[in-house]
Every structure is written in structure tokens, then in C-alpha cells.
Amino acid sequence: MALRQTKLVLALLLAIVTSLGVMAASPSAEQCLDKTATTLTSSKSVTVKFGYTAAGNHANGSMTMSGRKFTFNLGNIAVWYNGTLQWALNRSDNEVTLTKPTAAEVVESNPFAILTSYKQNYTPTLTKSTKSEYTVTLKPKKRGGQITSAIIRINAANYNPMGLTLKLSDGSYITVSVTSVIRGATLPASYFQYDARSNPKVEIIDLR
């Protein structure tokens, strides 16, 4: 999977994790997202495991977040961000790209950065409410972006995300099926940094 798609998946996972707790205490989708953002950012760490399908291809992935830091694994791509530097490993090419992303680039790939700016980019709406399931739809406020809609399905019994369908501007779809969401303990700083010793033969391309 290309790094560009990886950034898209990270943005997409934002929508999944923001669905935690939806409708638990408020009839407003926007209020639910705000409350969930506070809950998630106050957790010591959060790990989401999921299945990902696009263009007929399927892969299993996982993402762990702690504040502004995160790690991400999907297929041949792995990403580490320690709050300042980002490492992107492409296992197919046996290369790691090291960058110091700008604030705008962090918004592209850091779920929490996108989470705090969703009001500027998306309008959330509760589009379905039953005893077993809630559905929240995110619509972009401006045209011309790659994502035209995101539909999040939530388990009404425990408010965990069940899945997400993302429609792209070319008419194609990306689907994510969540298998688990786990809030964990504090993680060491090294968890969010690429360890060159684990892959001594991998070339590191420093673009800082």
C-alpha cells in the first residue's frame, strides 16, 4: 500500500475512533464527537485493530495512539510518529523515509490533529438510530477533497465502532471493519520511534 493511502487510512481511522461513545449522553452528533475527543485524548493509550478493504484487496491493520504520538501498521506500510519526527517504512521497497512534518502534514496523518479540526472540515449527522446500531455520517464542508462521505456504524449496546465506509471522489469505496478497541497503559517514548537496529538492512532516507 502506498504511503498516500496510508495517510488516508489514518484520517479514516479518526472517524472510527471518534465514534466511541456516540449518543451516550447527547442527541447531537457534534457534541458526541467533542465528548469522545476528550475521552480519547485523556486515555494513556488507545489501540484499534481492524480489517481494511479497498479495490478488491484486503489487509489487517492496527494503530496505537498516545496524545499526539502514534504508530500504524497496514500491509507493507508501517508508520511511527513521536510528536516531532515521522518514520514511514515501506517493506516492499525495504526503505524508511524520515521526515519532520509540518503542522499541515501532521493534520493529514495524525488522527488527533484531524480530530481537533473536524469542525472546520466536516459536518457530522446522526443518520440512523435503532436499539442495536447508530450511524453517523461525516460530510465535507468544501468540495474538491478526496473524501466525499464517511459513514460510521456504532454498536448501540456498548458504543464501540463496528465499521466504516468511505466514499472517494472517484466513486470508489474503502471499508474498515473494527475488531477491537483497547484503552491501555502509558507507553515508553521509544514505542513511537523507528528502531533501526531491528532492520539493519533497511535503507533510511532522511528528508528532514
Protein backbone atom coordinates (compact mmCIF):
# COMPACT_ATOMS: atom_id res chain seq x y z
CA MET A 1 0.00 0.00 0.00
CA ALA A 2 1.35 3.45 -0.92
CA LEU A 3 2.16 5.98 1.78
CA ARG A 4 -0.51 8.30 0.34
CA GLN A 5 -3.14 5.64 1.01
CA THR A 6 -1.71 5.16 4.49
CA LYS A 7 -2.38 8.81 5.30
CA LEU A 8 -5.92 8.39 4.01
CA VAL A 9 -6.44 5.36 6.23
CA LEU A 10 -5.17 7.30 9.25
CA ALA A 11 -7.66 10.06 8.51
CA LEU A 12 -10.35 7.44 8.10
CA LEU A 13 -9.45 5.87 11.44
CA LEU A 14 -10.02 9.24 13.03
CA ALA A 15 -13.67 8.88 12.10
CA ILE A 16 -13.75 5.40 13.63
CA VAL A 17 -12.23 6.33 16.97
CA THR A 18 -14.38 9.46 17.21
CA SER A 19 -17.44 7.22 17.09
CA LEU A 20 -16.67 5.72 20.52
CA GLY A 21 -19.39 6.74 22.92
CA VAL A 22 -21.62 8.29 20.27
CA MET A 23 -25.12 9.02 21.61
CA ALA A 24 -24.08 8.01 25.13
CA ALA A 25 -25.16 11.33 26.60
CA SER A 26 -26.16 13.72 23.81
CA PRO A 27 -28.55 13.75 20.85
CA SER A 28 -26.11 15.90 18.88
CA ALA A 29 -23.54 14.11 16.74
CA GLU A 30 -21.20 17.09 17.08
CA GLN A 31 -21.44 17.09 20.87
CA CYS A 32 -20.78 13.35 20.86
CA LEU A 33 -17.62 13.83 18.79
CA ASP A 34 -16.39 16.54 21.14
CA LYS A 35 -17.03 14.39 24.20
CA THR A 36 -15.33 11.40 22.58
CA ALA A 37 -12.31 13.50 21.62
CA THR A 38 -11.87 14.47 25.26
CA THR A 39 -12.24 10.86 26.39
CA LEU A 40 -9.71 9.54 23.89
CA THR A 41 -7.11 12.22 24.40
CA SER A 42 -7.27 11.70 28.15
CA SER A 43 -6.54 7.98 27.78
CA LYS A 44 -2.94 6.92 28.33
CA SER A 45 -3.04 4.95 25.07
CA VAL A 46 -5.60 3.56 22.63
CA THR A 47 -5.13 0.62 20.23
CA VAL A 48 -7.50 -0.02 17.32
CA LYS A 49 -7.33 -3.28 15.34
CA PHE A 50 -9.19 -3.50 12.05
CA GLY A 51 -9.67 -5.12 8.67
CA TYR A 52 -9.25 -2.90 5.61
CA THR A 53 -10.67 -3.45 2.11
CA ALA A 54 -10.06 -1.30 -0.98
CA ALA A 55 -10.04 -2.06 -4.71
CA GLY A 56 -10.69 -5.72 -4.01
CA ASN A 57 -7.66 -6.03 -1.72
CA HIS A 58 -7.88 -6.85 1.98
CA ALA A 59 -5.39 -6.39 4.81
CA ASN A 60 -5.45 -6.41 8.59
CA GLY A 61 -4.04 -3.44 10.44
CA SER A 62 -3.61 -1.78 13.80
CA MET A 63 -2.97 1.70 15.18
CA THR A 64 -1.82 2.73 18.66
CA MET A 65 -2.13 6.34 19.80
CA SER A 66 -0.99 8.27 22.86
CA GLY A 67 -1.61 12.01 22.79
CA ARG A 68 -0.02 13.37 19.61
CA LYS A 69 2.10 10.23 19.13
CA PHE A 70 1.04 7.19 17.13
CA THR A 71 2.17 4.02 15.38
CA PHE A 72 0.38 2.47 12.42
CA ASN A 73 0.70 -0.87 10.60
CA LEU A 74 -1.17 -1.95 7.48
CA GLY A 75 0.12 -4.44 4.94
CA ASN A 76 3.56 -3.40 3.74
CA ILE A 77 3.45 0.03 5.40
CA ALA A 78 4.33 0.97 8.97
CA VAL A 79 4.49 4.50 10.40
CA TRP A 80 5.88 5.90 13.66
CA TYR A 81 5.36 9.49 14.85
CA ASN A 82 6.93 10.69 18.11
CA GLY A 83 5.38 14.13 18.14
CA THR A 84 8.22 15.69 16.12
CA LEU A 85 9.65 13.17 13.65
CA GLN A 86 7.90 10.64 11.45
CA TRP A 87 9.29 7.37 10.08
CA ALA A 88 7.47 5.58 7.24
CA LEU A 89 8.61 2.03 6.47
CA ASN A 90 7.81 0.56 3.06
CA ARG A 91 8.52 -3.13 3.42
CA SER A 92 8.16 -3.72 -0.32
CA ASP A 93 10.98 -1.29 -1.14
CA ASN A 94 12.95 -2.01 2.05
CA GLU A 95 13.14 1.72 2.77
CA VAL A 96 12.34 4.03 5.67
CA THR A 97 11.57 7.69 4.98
CA LEU A 98 12.34 10.05 7.86
CA THR A 99 10.62 13.45 7.86
CA LYS A 100 9.85 16.33 10.21
CA PRO A 101 6.26 17.01 9.18
CA THR A 102 4.76 20.47 9.18
CA ALA A 103 1.60 21.24 11.11
CA ALA A 104 -0.41 20.75 7.90
CA GLU A 105 1.22 17.38 7.23
CA VAL A 106 0.52 16.27 10.78
CA VAL A 107 -3.14 17.11 10.24
CA GLU A 108 -3.08 14.78 7.23
CA SER A 109 -1.80 11.80 9.18
CA ASN A 110 -2.28 12.33 12.92
CA PRO A 111 -5.79 11.25 13.96
CA PHE A 112 -5.85 13.54 16.97
CA ALA A 113 -4.81 16.56 14.92
CA ILE A 114 -7.63 15.86 12.47
CA LEU A 115 -9.99 15.23 15.34
CA THR A 116 -9.45 18.69 16.76
CA SER A 117 -10.09 20.29 13.35
CA TYR A 118 -13.08 18.27 12.16
CA LYS A 119 -15.45 21.20 12.72
CA GLN A 120 -13.65 23.14 10.02
CA ASN A 121 -13.73 20.25 7.53
CA TYR A 122 -16.76 18.02 8.16
CA THR A 123 -20.40 18.20 9.22
CA PRO A 124 -21.46 15.19 11.37
CA THR A 125 -25.07 13.96 11.31
CA LEU A 126 -26.83 11.13 13.12
CA THR A 127 -28.45 9.31 10.19
CA LYS A 128 -29.67 6.12 11.89
CA SER A 129 -30.70 5.17 15.40
CA THR A 130 -32.01 1.73 16.39
CA LYS A 131 -31.80 -0.43 19.51
CA SER A 132 -28.78 -2.24 18.11
CA GLU A 133 -26.95 0.32 15.97
CA TYR A 134 -26.26 4.00 15.41
CA THR A 135 -24.92 5.51 12.20
CA VAL A 136 -23.09 8.84 11.97
CA THR A 137 -22.31 10.41 8.59
CA LEU A 138 -19.49 12.91 8.03
CA LYS A 139 -19.84 15.22 5.02
CA PRO A 140 -17.05 17.58 3.91
CA LYS A 141 -17.92 21.25 4.07
CA LYS A 142 -15.89 22.02 0.96
CA ARG A 143 -15.90 20.29 -2.41
CA GLY A 144 -12.82 19.04 -4.18
CA GLY A 145 -11.40 16.78 -1.49
CA GLN A 146 -10.62 13.10 -1.85
CA ILE A 147 -13.25 12.02 0.69
CA THR A 148 -16.88 12.74 -0.26
CA SER A 149 -18.51 10.98 2.70
CA ALA A 150 -17.73 8.73 5.66
CA ILE A 151 -20.38 6.51 7.25
CA ILE A 152 -19.63 5.16 10.73
CA ARG A 153 -21.56 2.26 12.27
CA ILE A 154 -21.69 2.04 16.08
CA ASN A 155 -22.81 -0.75 18.38
CA ALA A 156 -25.73 0.65 20.39
CA ALA A 157 -25.11 -1.72 23.31
CA ASN A 158 -21.55 -0.63 24.14
CA TYR A 159 -20.96 2.32 21.76
CA ASN A 160 -17.92 0.69 20.17
CA PRO A 161 -17.39 1.28 16.44
CA MET A 162 -18.48 -1.58 14.21
CA GLY A 163 -17.15 -0.31 10.90
CA LEU A 164 -16.80 2.50 8.42
CA THR A 165 -17.47 3.03 4.73
CA LEU A 166 -15.54 5.78 2.99
CA LYS A 167 -16.63 7.08 -0.42
CA LEU A 168 -13.90 8.72 -2.52
CA SER A 169 -14.19 11.36 -5.20
CA ASP A 170 -13.54 8.81 -7.97
CA GLY A 171 -16.60 6.81 -6.88
CA SER A 172 -14.63 4.02 -5.22
CA TYR A 173 -15.10 2.83 -1.64
CA ILE A 174 -12.87 1.94 1.29
CA THR A 175 -14.30 -0.13 4.13
CA VAL A 176 -12.91 -0.72 7.60
CA SER A 177 -14.20 -3.38 9.98
CA VAL A 178 -13.12 -2.84 13.58
CA THR A 179 -12.21 -5.96 15.53
CA SER A 180 -11.19 -4.32 18.82
CA VAL A 181 -10.63 -1.00 20.60
CA ILE A 182 -8.48 -1.17 23.73
CA ARG A 183 -7.50 1.63 26.08
CA GLY A 184 -4.11 0.83 27.58
CA ALA A 185 -1.36 1.97 29.90
CA THR A 186 1.35 4.57 29.38
CA LEU A 187 3.82 3.57 26.66
CA PRO A 188 7.53 4.47 26.53
CA ALA A 189 8.69 7.16 24.09
CA SER A 190 10.66 4.52 22.16
CA TYR A 191 7.38 2.83 21.19
CA PHE A 192 6.68 5.70 18.80
CA GLN A 193 10.11 5.76 17.16
CA TYR A 194 11.52 3.55 14.43
CA ASP A 195 14.21 1.18 15.73
CA ALA A 196 16.90 0.93 13.05
CA ARG A 197 18.55 -1.92 14.97
CA SER A 198 15.56 -4.16 14.26
CA ASN A 199 16.06 -3.76 10.49
CA PRO A 200 19.78 -3.11 9.87
CA LYS A 201 19.48 -3.79 6.12
CA VAL A 202 16.71 -1.26 5.56
CA GLU A 203 17.83 1.99 3.91
CA ILE A 204 16.90 5.17 5.79
CA ILE A 205 16.14 8.18 3.60
CA ASP A 206 16.47 11.32 5.72
CA LEU A 207 14.28 14.14 4.32
CA ARG A 208 14.31 16.40 7.36
